Amino acid sequence: DHEWIVADEAGHQRHRTGTEPVHGERPIEVSIPALGTVQTTVTFPAAATMRFICHLPGHEAYGMVGVLRVLPTPG
C-alpha cells in the first residue's frame, strides 16, 4: 500500500506520527492499495510549492517523495 499526501511541513510532521491509517474524502490525502490506481482532483486557490510524501513506515526514507508546483493562472 501507499499514500499520496500533499502538505506543508507541519502537515507532513503530523502524518509522520502515523495517526491516520486511511484517508477519507480529502483530495490531498489519498490512500492507494497495493497494485491499485486512484484518481483525485485538487483545486488549489493560489500558486504554491509543496511536497508530497508517502508516510507509510519506511516509504519516505526509501525516497517516495516529490515536489508539487502549482503555477499562477495566466491572466
N, C-alpha and C. Protein backbone atom coordinates (compact mmCIF):
# COMPACT_ATOMS: atom_id res chain seq x y z
N ASP A 1 0.83 -1.19 0.00
CA ASP A 1 0.00 0.00 0.00
C ASP A 1 0.88 1.25 0.00
N HIS A 2 0.27 2.37 -0.41
CA HIS A 2 0.95 3.66 -0.43
C HIS A 2 -0.05 4.74 -0.07
N GLU A 3 0.45 5.95 0.08
CA GLU A 3 -0.41 7.11 0.23
C GLU A 3 0.25 8.30 -0.44
N TRP A 4 -0.58 9.25 -0.85
CA TRP A 4 -0.13 10.47 -1.51
C TRP A 4 -0.64 11.61 -0.66
N ILE A 5 0.27 12.24 0.08
CA ILE A 5 -0.09 13.32 0.98
C ILE A 5 0.59 14.60 0.50
N VAL A 6 -0.19 15.63 0.20
CA VAL A 6 0.34 16.94 -0.16
C VAL A 6 0.09 17.84 1.04
N ALA A 7 1.17 18.44 1.56
CA ALA A 7 1.01 19.27 2.75
C ALA A 7 2.20 20.19 2.93
N ASP A 8 2.04 21.14 3.85
CA ASP A 8 3.19 21.93 4.28
C ASP A 8 3.97 21.10 5.29
N GLU A 9 5.07 21.61 5.80
CA GLU A 9 5.91 20.81 6.69
C GLU A 9 5.17 20.41 7.97
N ALA A 10 4.33 21.29 8.50
CA ALA A 10 3.56 20.94 9.70
C ALA A 10 2.61 19.77 9.42
N GLY A 11 1.97 19.78 8.26
CA GLY A 11 1.08 18.67 7.89
C GLY A 11 1.83 17.36 7.75
N HIS A 12 3.00 17.41 7.12
CA HIS A 12 3.80 16.19 6.98
C HIS A 12 4.27 15.69 8.33
N GLN A 13 4.60 16.58 9.24
CA GLN A 13 5.04 16.15 10.56
C GLN A 13 3.92 15.40 11.29
N ARG A 14 2.68 15.87 11.15
CA ARG A 14 1.55 15.16 11.77
C ARG A 14 1.40 13.76 11.18
N HIS A 15 1.59 13.62 9.88
CA HIS A 15 1.44 12.31 9.25
C HIS A 15 2.60 11.38 9.58
N ARG A 16 3.77 11.93 9.86
CA ARG A 16 4.91 11.08 10.23
C ARG A 16 4.64 10.32 11.53
N THR A 17 3.74 10.82 12.35
CA THR A 17 3.42 10.13 13.60
C THR A 17 2.47 8.96 13.38
N GLY A 18 1.89 8.84 12.18
CA GLY A 18 1.07 7.68 11.83
C GLY A 18 -0.28 7.60 12.49
N THR A 19 -0.95 8.72 12.65
CA THR A 19 -2.24 8.71 13.34
C THR A 19 -3.43 8.37 12.44
N GLU A 20 -3.25 8.33 11.11
CA GLU A 20 -4.37 8.05 10.20
C GLU A 20 -3.99 6.94 9.22
N PRO A 21 -4.51 5.72 9.42
CA PRO A 21 -4.16 4.62 8.51
C PRO A 21 -4.83 4.72 7.14
N VAL A 22 -5.99 5.39 7.06
CA VAL A 22 -6.71 5.52 5.79
C VAL A 22 -7.21 6.96 5.70
N HIS A 23 -7.22 7.50 4.50
CA HIS A 23 -7.66 8.87 4.28
C HIS A 23 -9.01 8.87 3.59
N GLY A 24 -9.90 9.69 4.08
CA GLY A 24 -11.27 9.70 3.58
C GLY A 24 -11.49 10.57 2.37
N GLU A 25 -12.20 11.64 2.55
CA GLU A 25 -12.66 12.47 1.44
C GLU A 25 -11.76 13.66 1.14
N ARG A 26 -10.55 13.69 1.65
CA ARG A 26 -9.64 14.80 1.39
C ARG A 26 -8.84 14.52 0.12
N PRO A 27 -8.98 15.33 -0.92
CA PRO A 27 -8.31 15.04 -2.20
C PRO A 27 -6.79 15.15 -2.15
N ILE A 28 -6.23 15.78 -1.10
CA ILE A 28 -4.77 15.88 -0.99
C ILE A 28 -4.20 14.85 -0.01
N GLU A 29 -5.04 13.92 0.46
CA GLU A 29 -4.62 12.84 1.33
C GLU A 29 -5.28 11.56 0.83
N VAL A 30 -4.56 10.81 0.02
CA VAL A 30 -5.15 9.67 -0.68
C VAL A 30 -4.43 8.38 -0.30
N SER A 31 -5.18 7.37 0.11
CA SER A 31 -4.63 6.03 0.33
C SER A 31 -4.73 5.25 -0.96
N ILE A 32 -3.68 4.48 -1.28
CA ILE A 32 -3.62 3.74 -2.54
C ILE A 32 -3.32 2.28 -2.22
N PRO A 33 -4.23 1.37 -2.52
CA PRO A 33 -3.98 -0.05 -2.24
C PRO A 33 -2.88 -0.61 -3.13
N ALA A 34 -2.21 -1.63 -2.64
CA ALA A 34 -1.15 -2.29 -3.41
C ALA A 34 -1.67 -2.68 -4.78
N LEU A 35 -0.90 -2.40 -5.81
CA LEU A 35 -1.21 -2.68 -7.21
C LEU A 35 -2.45 -1.94 -7.70
N GLY A 36 -2.90 -0.92 -6.94
CA GLY A 36 -4.11 -0.20 -7.31
C GLY A 36 -3.80 1.13 -7.98
N THR A 37 -4.85 1.75 -8.44
CA THR A 37 -4.79 3.07 -9.05
C THR A 37 -5.88 3.91 -8.41
N VAL A 38 -5.56 5.14 -8.09
CA VAL A 38 -6.53 6.06 -7.51
C VAL A 38 -6.45 7.38 -8.27
N GLN A 39 -7.58 8.00 -8.49
CA GLN A 39 -7.62 9.29 -9.17
C GLN A 39 -8.19 10.31 -8.19
N THR A 40 -7.61 11.49 -8.16
CA THR A 40 -8.11 12.58 -7.33
C THR A 40 -8.03 13.88 -8.12
N THR A 41 -8.89 14.81 -7.79
CA THR A 41 -8.88 16.12 -8.42
C THR A 41 -8.71 17.15 -7.31
N VAL A 42 -7.73 18.02 -7.49
CA VAL A 42 -7.42 19.03 -6.50
C VAL A 42 -7.47 20.40 -7.15
N THR A 43 -8.11 21.35 -6.49
CA THR A 43 -8.12 22.74 -6.93
C THR A 43 -7.38 23.55 -5.89
N PHE A 44 -6.30 24.18 -6.29
CA PHE A 44 -5.51 25.00 -5.38
C PHE A 44 -5.91 26.45 -5.57
N PRO A 45 -6.10 27.20 -4.47
CA PRO A 45 -6.56 28.58 -4.59
C PRO A 45 -5.49 29.57 -5.04
N ALA A 46 -4.23 29.16 -4.94
CA ALA A 46 -3.15 30.10 -5.30
C ALA A 46 -1.91 29.31 -5.68
N ALA A 47 -0.98 30.01 -6.31
CA ALA A 47 0.30 29.38 -6.65
C ALA A 47 1.01 28.95 -5.37
N ALA A 48 1.70 27.82 -5.44
CA ALA A 48 2.39 27.31 -4.25
C ALA A 48 3.37 26.23 -4.67
N THR A 49 4.30 25.93 -3.80
CA THR A 49 5.18 24.79 -3.95
C THR A 49 5.07 23.97 -2.68
N MET A 50 4.70 22.70 -2.82
CA MET A 50 4.50 21.82 -1.68
C MET A 50 5.15 20.48 -1.98
N ARG A 51 5.40 19.73 -0.94
CA ARG A 51 5.95 18.40 -1.13
C ARG A 51 4.82 17.37 -1.00
N PHE A 52 4.95 16.26 -1.73
CA PHE A 52 4.09 15.11 -1.50
C PHE A 52 4.97 13.97 -1.02
N ILE A 53 4.42 13.20 -0.08
CA ILE A 53 5.18 12.14 0.59
C ILE A 53 4.26 10.97 0.88
N CYS A 54 4.80 9.76 0.77
CA CYS A 54 4.12 8.57 1.28
C CYS A 54 4.67 8.35 2.69
N HIS A 55 3.79 8.45 3.67
CA HIS A 55 4.22 8.34 5.07
C HIS A 55 4.05 6.95 5.67
N LEU A 56 3.78 5.96 4.87
CA LEU A 56 3.73 4.61 5.44
C LEU A 56 5.13 4.24 5.92
N PRO A 57 5.26 3.37 6.89
CA PRO A 57 6.56 3.09 7.51
C PRO A 57 7.66 2.80 6.49
N GLY A 58 8.72 3.61 6.55
CA GLY A 58 9.89 3.43 5.71
C GLY A 58 9.82 4.03 4.33
N HIS A 59 8.65 4.37 3.84
CA HIS A 59 8.50 4.81 2.46
C HIS A 59 9.16 6.16 2.19
N GLU A 60 9.04 7.10 3.11
CA GLU A 60 9.70 8.39 2.91
C GLU A 60 11.22 8.19 2.85
N ALA A 61 11.76 7.37 3.74
CA ALA A 61 13.20 7.10 3.75
C ALA A 61 13.65 6.42 2.47
N TYR A 62 12.76 5.64 1.82
CA TYR A 62 13.09 4.98 0.55
C TYR A 62 12.99 5.93 -0.64
N GLY A 63 12.59 7.17 -0.40
CA GLY A 63 12.55 8.16 -1.49
C GLY A 63 11.20 8.40 -2.11
N MET A 64 10.12 7.97 -1.47
CA MET A 64 8.78 8.19 -2.02
C MET A 64 8.32 9.59 -1.66
N VAL A 65 8.98 10.57 -2.26
CA VAL A 65 8.71 11.99 -2.03
C VAL A 65 8.80 12.72 -3.36
N GLY A 66 8.22 13.89 -3.42
CA GLY A 66 8.32 14.70 -4.62
C GLY A 66 7.84 16.11 -4.35
N VAL A 67 7.95 16.95 -5.36
CA VAL A 67 7.54 18.35 -5.26
C VAL A 67 6.38 18.60 -6.21
N LEU A 68 5.37 19.27 -5.69
CA LEU A 68 4.21 19.68 -6.49
C LEU A 68 4.28 21.19 -6.61
N ARG A 69 4.35 21.67 -7.81
CA ARG A 69 4.44 23.11 -8.05
C ARG A 69 3.15 23.57 -8.73
N VAL A 70 2.40 24.43 -8.05
CA VAL A 70 1.18 24.99 -8.59
C VAL A 70 1.53 26.36 -9.16
N LEU A 71 1.36 26.52 -10.44
CA LEU A 71 1.72 27.76 -11.12
C LEU A 71 0.54 28.73 -11.12
N PRO A 72 0.83 30.04 -11.14
CA PRO A 72 -0.27 31.00 -11.18
C PRO A 72 -1.03 30.89 -12.50
N THR A 73 -2.28 31.19 -12.45
CA THR A 73 -3.11 31.18 -13.65
C THR A 73 -2.73 32.37 -14.52
N PRO A 74 -2.45 32.13 -15.80
CA PRO A 74 -2.12 33.26 -16.68
C PRO A 74 -3.29 34.21 -16.78
N GLY A 75 -3.01 35.45 -16.78
CA GLY A 75 -4.14 36.36 -16.89
C GLY A 75 -3.69 37.72 -16.93
